[in-house]
Structures are given as structure tokens and as C-alpha cells.
Amino acid sequence: MMSHLNHRVFLTLVMFVTLSISSCNQQPAAPSRDAKVNGTVTLNGKPVGPFTVNLMSFMHGNIASAQVSKEGAFQVDGEVPAGEYSFYLTGPEQGRAPSGIAQKYFSDTSTDQRFHLQAGENVITMNLK
């Protein structure tokens, strides 16, 4: 027969195992999408385009992209989760950087264009050099 103390330890252990198993089956909550993003891409201070600008979240991977006009303007449709992002370009020809623009801006791992997006409006200037 179990002593009163052993019985309490046994019940606590059963509750812990039950809670642990039930929490393993839960999916992580989707990140809230509460940051709006628009901006301009410039080369040495002058607007450039057309491209696609891509947002790579350090927490969630590729989140969004937006078309950049000839005037360098872009706007991401909808909202993205707030947080840290790398901004990098693709196009107009995959794998080739247009004349005068460094290849590093066409890769999520080499770009130096990093921004912290907050809930609400975010106006970004990607100043390429």
C-alpha cells in the first residue's frame, strides 16, 4: 500500500506526463501580421528599379516580396509579422546583378540591408552603394 506522500508524488508525476504529452500535440501559434511595409530602393541616393524586393525574417524565413517600380518605389501587400528582416533583391534577370549594383544585394545571406519592422507603418529606404 502506498503512503500518502508516495501517492501525492505519483499523482503529480501522472499530471506532469499528461500535460507534457498534450502540449506536444499543439501547433505553434502563427505569428501575428501587424507591420505594413513600403519604401524606396536607391543606388547612391538615386531611385533604381525595376526589381523584386524580398523580406527574409530571421524567425520565419521568406515572408513577403514586392515589385519595385522604375522609380524605386515598393509596397508590400498586406501585413507581415513585426521583427528583424533582411531585405534582398531578385530580378530583373535571375542570377545577374544589373550594372552598378553589387551582387551582395541579390542574396539573403550577403545583403547588408537589415531592418527592424514594428507594428504599424514602416517606411524603408534600401540605400545601395
N, C-alpha and C. Protein backbone atom coordinates (compact mmCIF):
# COMPACT_ATOMS: atom_id res chain seq x y z
N MET A 1 0.83 -1.17 0.00
CA MET A 1 0.00 0.00 0.00
C MET A 1 0.88 1.25 0.00
N MET A 2 0.46 2.25 -0.81
CA MET A 2 1.24 3.48 -0.93
C MET A 2 1.00 4.39 0.26
N SER A 3 2.07 5.01 0.70
CA SER A 3 1.91 6.01 1.75
C SER A 3 1.28 7.25 1.12
N HIS A 4 0.79 8.11 1.95
CA HIS A 4 0.14 9.34 1.50
C HIS A 4 1.11 10.18 0.66
N LEU A 5 2.37 10.29 1.05
CA LEU A 5 3.37 11.07 0.34
C LEU A 5 3.68 10.43 -1.01
N ASN A 6 3.84 9.13 -1.06
CA ASN A 6 4.10 8.44 -2.32
C ASN A 6 2.93 8.60 -3.29
N HIS A 7 1.72 8.58 -2.77
CA HIS A 7 0.53 8.75 -3.59
C HIS A 7 0.51 10.14 -4.23
N ARG A 8 0.86 11.17 -3.47
CA ARG A 8 0.90 12.54 -3.99
C ARG A 8 1.98 12.69 -5.06
N VAL A 9 3.13 12.10 -4.83
CA VAL A 9 4.21 12.14 -5.82
C VAL A 9 3.77 11.44 -7.09
N PHE A 10 3.11 10.30 -6.96
CA PHE A 10 2.63 9.55 -8.12
C PHE A 10 1.62 10.37 -8.91
N LEU A 11 0.65 11.02 -8.24
CA LEU A 11 -0.35 11.84 -8.92
C LEU A 11 0.29 13.05 -9.61
N THR A 12 1.26 13.66 -8.96
CA THR A 12 1.96 14.80 -9.57
C THR A 12 2.69 14.36 -10.83
N LEU A 13 3.33 13.23 -10.78
CA LEU A 13 4.05 12.69 -11.93
C LEU A 13 3.08 12.39 -13.08
N VAL A 14 1.93 11.79 -12.79
CA VAL A 14 0.93 11.49 -13.81
C VAL A 14 0.43 12.78 -14.45
N MET A 15 0.17 13.80 -13.65
CA MET A 15 -0.30 15.08 -14.20
C MET A 15 0.77 15.71 -15.09
N PHE A 16 2.02 15.67 -14.68
CA PHE A 16 3.12 16.24 -15.45
C PHE A 16 3.25 15.53 -16.80
N VAL A 17 3.21 14.22 -16.82
CA VAL A 17 3.32 13.45 -18.06
C VAL A 17 2.13 13.75 -18.97
N THR A 18 0.94 13.82 -18.42
CA THR A 18 -0.25 14.11 -19.22
C THR A 18 -0.16 15.49 -19.86
N LEU A 19 0.25 16.50 -19.10
CA LEU A 19 0.39 17.85 -19.65
C LEU A 19 1.49 17.92 -20.69
N SER A 20 2.58 17.21 -20.46
CA SER A 20 3.68 17.21 -21.42
C SER A 20 3.25 16.61 -22.75
N ILE A 21 2.52 15.51 -22.69
CA ILE A 21 2.06 14.85 -23.91
C ILE A 21 1.05 15.72 -24.64
N SER A 22 0.13 16.33 -23.93
CA SER A 22 -0.89 17.16 -24.59
C SER A 22 -0.28 18.41 -25.21
N SER A 23 0.76 18.97 -24.61
CA SER A 23 1.38 20.17 -25.19
C SER A 23 2.21 19.83 -26.42
N CYS A 24 2.66 18.58 -26.58
CA CYS A 24 3.41 18.18 -27.76
C CYS A 24 2.55 18.17 -29.01
N ASN A 25 1.27 18.00 -28.86
CA ASN A 25 0.37 17.91 -30.00
C ASN A 25 -0.11 19.27 -30.49
N GLN A 26 0.22 20.34 -29.77
CA GLN A 26 -0.25 21.66 -30.15
C GLN A 26 0.69 22.27 -31.18
N GLN A 27 0.12 22.93 -32.20
CA GLN A 27 0.89 23.63 -33.21
C GLN A 27 1.29 24.99 -32.64
N PRO A 28 2.50 25.46 -32.99
CA PRO A 28 2.88 26.80 -32.53
C PRO A 28 1.96 27.85 -33.15
N ALA A 29 1.72 28.87 -32.39
CA ALA A 29 0.83 29.93 -32.88
C ALA A 29 1.46 30.63 -34.08
N ALA A 30 0.64 30.93 -35.06
CA ALA A 30 1.12 31.67 -36.23
C ALA A 30 1.51 33.08 -35.78
N PRO A 31 2.58 33.62 -36.36
CA PRO A 31 2.96 34.97 -35.96
C PRO A 31 1.90 35.98 -36.37
N SER A 32 1.67 36.95 -35.51
CA SER A 32 0.69 37.98 -35.86
C SER A 32 1.27 38.87 -36.95
N ARG A 33 0.45 39.20 -37.90
CA ARG A 33 0.87 40.03 -39.03
C ARG A 33 0.33 41.43 -38.77
N ASP A 34 1.22 42.31 -38.32
CA ASP A 34 0.77 43.63 -37.91
C ASP A 34 1.67 44.77 -38.38
N ALA A 35 2.63 44.47 -39.27
CA ALA A 35 3.53 45.51 -39.77
C ALA A 35 3.28 45.74 -41.26
N LYS A 36 3.07 46.98 -41.63
CA LYS A 36 2.92 47.37 -43.03
C LYS A 36 4.26 47.92 -43.51
N VAL A 37 4.61 47.60 -44.77
CA VAL A 37 5.93 47.97 -45.27
C VAL A 37 5.83 48.60 -46.64
N ASN A 38 6.47 49.75 -46.80
CA ASN A 38 6.67 50.35 -48.11
C ASN A 38 7.98 51.10 -48.07
N GLY A 39 8.46 51.47 -49.26
CA GLY A 39 9.73 52.19 -49.26
C GLY A 39 10.27 52.44 -50.64
N THR A 40 11.58 52.69 -50.66
CA THR A 40 12.28 53.05 -51.88
C THR A 40 13.63 52.32 -51.92
N VAL A 41 14.02 51.92 -53.12
CA VAL A 41 15.35 51.36 -53.35
C VAL A 41 16.15 52.43 -54.08
N THR A 42 17.31 52.79 -53.53
CA THR A 42 18.16 53.80 -54.16
C THR A 42 19.57 53.25 -54.35
N LEU A 43 20.26 53.77 -55.34
CA LEU A 43 21.67 53.47 -55.57
C LEU A 43 22.41 54.79 -55.48
N ASN A 44 23.25 54.91 -54.46
CA ASN A 44 23.96 56.16 -54.20
C ASN A 44 22.99 57.34 -54.11
N GLY A 45 21.84 57.10 -53.49
CA GLY A 45 20.87 58.15 -53.23
C GLY A 45 19.87 58.40 -54.35
N LYS A 46 20.00 57.70 -55.50
CA LYS A 46 19.08 57.90 -56.62
C LYS A 46 18.20 56.66 -56.78
N PRO A 47 16.88 56.85 -56.95
CA PRO A 47 15.97 55.70 -57.08
C PRO A 47 16.36 54.79 -58.25
N VAL A 48 16.25 53.46 -58.03
CA VAL A 48 16.53 52.47 -59.06
C VAL A 48 15.45 51.40 -59.07
N GLY A 49 15.31 50.73 -60.20
CA GLY A 49 14.36 49.63 -60.37
C GLY A 49 14.34 49.27 -61.84
N PRO A 50 13.56 48.39 -62.31
CA PRO A 50 12.65 47.53 -61.54
C PRO A 50 13.35 46.29 -61.00
N PHE A 51 12.86 45.82 -59.88
CA PHE A 51 13.33 44.62 -59.21
C PHE A 51 12.15 44.02 -58.46
N THR A 52 12.45 42.96 -57.75
CA THR A 52 11.58 42.46 -56.70
C THR A 52 12.37 42.57 -55.41
N VAL A 53 11.78 43.16 -54.39
CA VAL A 53 12.40 43.19 -53.07
C VAL A 53 11.78 42.06 -52.26
N ASN A 54 12.62 41.31 -51.55
CA ASN A 54 12.19 40.15 -50.76
C ASN A 54 12.51 40.39 -49.30
N LEU A 55 11.60 39.99 -48.43
CA LEU A 55 11.79 40.15 -46.99
C LEU A 55 12.03 38.77 -46.39
N MET A 56 13.20 38.59 -45.78
CA MET A 56 13.56 37.33 -45.14
C MET A 56 13.58 37.56 -43.63
N SER A 57 12.64 36.92 -42.94
CA SER A 57 12.56 37.04 -41.48
C SER A 57 13.58 36.12 -40.84
N PHE A 58 14.25 36.61 -39.82
CA PHE A 58 15.20 35.77 -39.08
C PHE A 58 14.47 34.68 -38.30
N MET A 59 13.18 34.89 -38.02
CA MET A 59 12.40 33.91 -37.25
C MET A 59 11.56 32.99 -38.13
N HIS A 60 11.08 33.50 -39.28
CA HIS A 60 10.06 32.77 -40.05
C HIS A 60 10.45 32.47 -41.49
N GLY A 61 11.63 32.84 -41.94
CA GLY A 61 12.03 32.60 -43.32
C GLY A 61 11.48 33.67 -44.25
N ASN A 62 11.40 33.33 -45.54
CA ASN A 62 10.87 34.28 -46.52
C ASN A 62 9.41 34.56 -46.20
N ILE A 63 9.09 35.82 -46.02
CA ILE A 63 7.74 36.22 -45.62
C ILE A 63 6.98 36.89 -46.74
N ALA A 64 7.64 37.79 -47.47
CA ALA A 64 6.91 38.58 -48.45
C ALA A 64 7.86 39.09 -49.52
N SER A 65 7.27 39.56 -50.61
CA SER A 65 8.03 40.23 -51.65
C SER A 65 7.14 41.31 -52.25
N ALA A 66 7.78 42.24 -52.94
CA ALA A 66 7.03 43.33 -53.57
C ALA A 66 7.78 43.77 -54.82
N GLN A 67 7.03 44.20 -55.81
CA GLN A 67 7.62 44.72 -57.03
C GLN A 67 8.14 46.14 -56.78
N VAL A 68 9.33 46.41 -57.28
CA VAL A 68 9.93 47.74 -57.19
C VAL A 68 9.80 48.39 -58.56
N SER A 69 9.22 49.57 -58.60
CA SER A 69 8.99 50.29 -59.86
C SER A 69 10.31 50.87 -60.40
N LYS A 70 10.27 51.39 -61.63
CA LYS A 70 11.44 52.06 -62.20
C LYS A 70 11.87 53.24 -61.34
N GLU A 71 10.93 53.81 -60.61
CA GLU A 71 11.23 54.95 -59.72
C GLU A 71 11.73 54.50 -58.36
N GLY A 72 11.90 53.19 -58.17
CA GLY A 72 12.45 52.66 -56.92
C GLY A 72 11.44 52.41 -55.82
N ALA A 73 10.16 52.69 -56.06
CA ALA A 73 9.13 52.57 -55.01
C ALA A 73 8.60 51.13 -54.92
N PHE A 74 8.31 50.71 -53.69
CA PHE A 74 7.68 49.41 -53.48
C PHE A 74 6.71 49.48 -52.31
N GLN A 75 5.74 48.56 -52.31
CA GLN A 75 4.79 48.42 -51.21
C GLN A 75 4.44 46.95 -51.07
N VAL A 76 4.63 46.40 -49.89
CA VAL A 76 4.29 45.01 -49.62
C VAL A 76 2.78 44.92 -49.43
N ASP A 77 2.14 44.01 -50.16
CA ASP A 77 0.70 43.81 -49.99
C ASP A 77 0.43 43.16 -48.64
N GLY A 78 -0.57 43.64 -47.94
CA GLY A 78 -0.92 43.06 -46.64
C GLY A 78 0.07 43.46 -45.57
N GLU A 79 0.10 42.66 -44.52
CA GLU A 79 0.96 42.94 -43.37
C GLU A 79 1.85 41.74 -43.11
N VAL A 80 2.98 41.98 -42.45
CA VAL A 80 3.94 40.93 -42.09
C VAL A 80 4.15 40.97 -40.58
N PRO A 81 4.68 39.88 -40.00
CA PRO A 81 4.98 39.90 -38.57
C PRO A 81 6.07 40.93 -38.25
N ALA A 82 5.93 41.63 -37.16
CA ALA A 82 6.99 42.54 -36.71
C ALA A 82 8.23 41.71 -36.40
N GLY A 83 9.40 42.30 -36.55
CA GLY A 83 10.64 41.60 -36.22
C GLY A 83 11.80 42.03 -37.11
N GLU A 84 12.89 41.26 -37.03
CA GLU A 84 14.11 41.54 -37.78
C GLU A 84 14.05 40.90 -39.16
N TYR A 85 14.45 41.66 -40.17
CA TYR A 85 14.40 41.19 -41.55
C TYR A 85 15.66 41.55 -42.31
N SER A 86 16.02 40.69 -43.25
CA SER A 86 16.96 41.00 -44.31
C SER A 86 16.13 41.35 -45.53
N PHE A 87 16.52 42.42 -46.22
CA PHE A 87 15.88 42.79 -47.47
C PHE A 87 16.88 42.50 -48.58
N TYR A 88 16.46 41.74 -49.60
CA TYR A 88 17.34 41.48 -50.73
C TYR A 88 16.53 41.54 -52.02
N LEU A 89 17.23 41.66 -53.13
CA LEU A 89 16.59 41.86 -54.43
C LEU A 89 16.66 40.60 -55.28
N THR A 90 15.71 40.46 -56.19
CA THR A 90 15.77 39.48 -57.27
C THR A 90 15.35 40.18 -58.54
N GLY A 91 15.81 39.63 -59.68
CA GLY A 91 15.47 40.20 -60.97
C GLY A 91 16.32 41.40 -61.29
N PRO A 92 16.12 42.04 -62.41
CA PRO A 92 15.20 41.61 -63.44
C PRO A 92 15.63 40.32 -64.13
N GLU A 93 16.93 40.02 -64.10
CA GLU A 93 17.40 38.75 -64.65
C GLU A 93 17.98 37.94 -63.50
N GLN A 94 17.39 36.79 -63.23
CA GLN A 94 17.84 35.95 -62.11
C GLN A 94 19.34 35.66 -62.24
N GLY A 95 20.07 35.80 -61.14
CA GLY A 95 21.47 35.44 -61.11
C GLY A 95 22.42 36.51 -61.60
N ARG A 96 21.91 37.60 -62.16
CA ARG A 96 22.78 38.68 -62.66
C ARG A 96 22.38 39.99 -62.02
N ALA A 97 23.35 40.63 -61.41
CA ALA A 97 23.09 41.96 -60.87
C ALA A 97 23.20 42.98 -61.99
N PRO A 98 22.25 43.90 -62.07
CA PRO A 98 22.35 44.96 -63.08
C PRO A 98 23.62 45.78 -62.88
N SER A 99 24.07 46.39 -63.94
CA SER A 99 25.28 47.19 -63.92
C SER A 99 25.24 48.22 -62.79
N GLY A 100 26.32 48.28 -62.04
CA GLY A 100 26.45 49.26 -60.98
C GLY A 100 25.90 48.84 -59.63
N ILE A 101 25.21 47.69 -59.56
CA ILE A 101 24.64 47.24 -58.29
C ILE A 101 25.39 45.98 -57.85
N ALA A 102 25.93 46.02 -56.65
CA ALA A 102 26.73 44.90 -56.14
C ALA A 102 25.91 43.62 -56.02
N GLN A 103 26.53 42.51 -56.33
CA GLN A 103 25.88 41.19 -56.27
C GLN A 103 25.37 40.87 -54.86
N LYS A 104 26.01 41.42 -53.83
CA LYS A 104 25.62 41.09 -52.44
C LYS A 104 24.16 41.43 -52.15
N TYR A 105 23.59 42.39 -52.87
CA TYR A 105 22.20 42.78 -52.62
C TYR A 105 21.19 41.80 -53.20
N PHE A 106 21.67 40.79 -53.92
CA PHE A 106 20.80 39.81 -54.57
C PHE A 106 20.82 38.46 -53.85
N SER A 107 21.18 38.48 -52.57
CA SER A 107 21.22 37.25 -51.77
C SER A 107 20.80 37.55 -50.33
N ASP A 108 19.97 36.69 -49.77
CA ASP A 108 19.54 36.91 -48.38
C ASP A 108 20.69 36.71 -47.40
N THR A 109 21.74 36.00 -47.79
CA THR A 109 22.85 35.75 -46.87
C THR A 109 23.95 36.81 -46.95
N SER A 110 24.03 37.54 -48.06
CA SER A 110 25.12 38.53 -48.18
C SER A 110 24.64 39.98 -48.10
N THR A 111 23.35 40.22 -48.24
CA THR A 111 22.87 41.61 -48.18
C THR A 111 23.16 42.23 -46.82
N ASP A 112 23.44 43.52 -46.83
CA ASP A 112 23.63 44.24 -45.57
C ASP A 112 22.40 45.10 -45.25
N GLN A 113 21.33 44.88 -45.99
CA GLN A 113 20.10 45.64 -45.80
C GLN A 113 19.23 44.92 -44.77
N ARG A 114 19.38 45.30 -43.51
CA ARG A 114 18.64 44.68 -42.41
C ARG A 114 17.83 45.76 -41.70
N PHE A 115 16.58 45.38 -41.40
CA PHE A 115 15.67 46.35 -40.79
C PHE A 115 14.83 45.68 -39.71
N HIS A 116 14.51 46.46 -38.69
CA HIS A 116 13.57 46.01 -37.65
C HIS A 116 12.21 46.61 -37.98
N LEU A 117 11.24 45.74 -38.25
CA LEU A 117 9.88 46.20 -38.55
C LEU A 117 9.05 46.17 -37.28
N GLN A 118 8.33 47.24 -37.06
CA GLN A 118 7.45 47.35 -35.89
C GLN A 118 6.00 47.28 -36.34
N ALA A 119 5.12 46.99 -35.40
CA ALA A 119 3.68 47.01 -35.70
C ALA A 119 3.33 48.40 -36.22
N GLY A 120 2.47 48.45 -37.23
CA GLY A 120 2.09 49.73 -37.83
C GLY A 120 2.86 49.98 -39.11
N GLU A 121 2.97 51.25 -39.49
CA GLU A 121 3.62 51.64 -40.74
C GLU A 121 5.14 51.61 -40.62
N ASN A 122 5.80 51.07 -41.63
CA ASN A 122 7.25 51.05 -41.72
C ASN A 122 7.65 51.55 -43.10
N VAL A 123 8.41 52.64 -43.14
CA VAL A 123 8.89 53.19 -44.41
C VAL A 123 10.39 52.93 -44.46
N ILE A 124 10.80 52.14 -45.46
CA ILE A 124 12.16 51.66 -45.57
C ILE A 124 12.85 52.31 -46.77
N THR A 125 14.10 52.69 -46.59
CA THR A 125 14.93 53.10 -47.72
C THR A 125 16.09 52.12 -47.81
N MET A 126 16.12 51.35 -48.89
CA MET A 126 17.24 50.46 -49.17
C MET A 126 18.26 51.28 -49.95
N ASN A 127 19.27 51.79 -49.27
CA ASN A 127 20.27 52.62 -49.92
C ASN A 127 21.46 51.75 -50.32
N LEU A 128 21.48 51.34 -51.58
CA LEU A 128 22.55 50.50 -52.11
C LEU A 128 23.75 51.38 -52.43
N LYS A 129 24.94 50.80 -52.29
CA LYS A 129 26.17 51.56 -52.57
C LYS A 129 27.08 50.78 -53.48
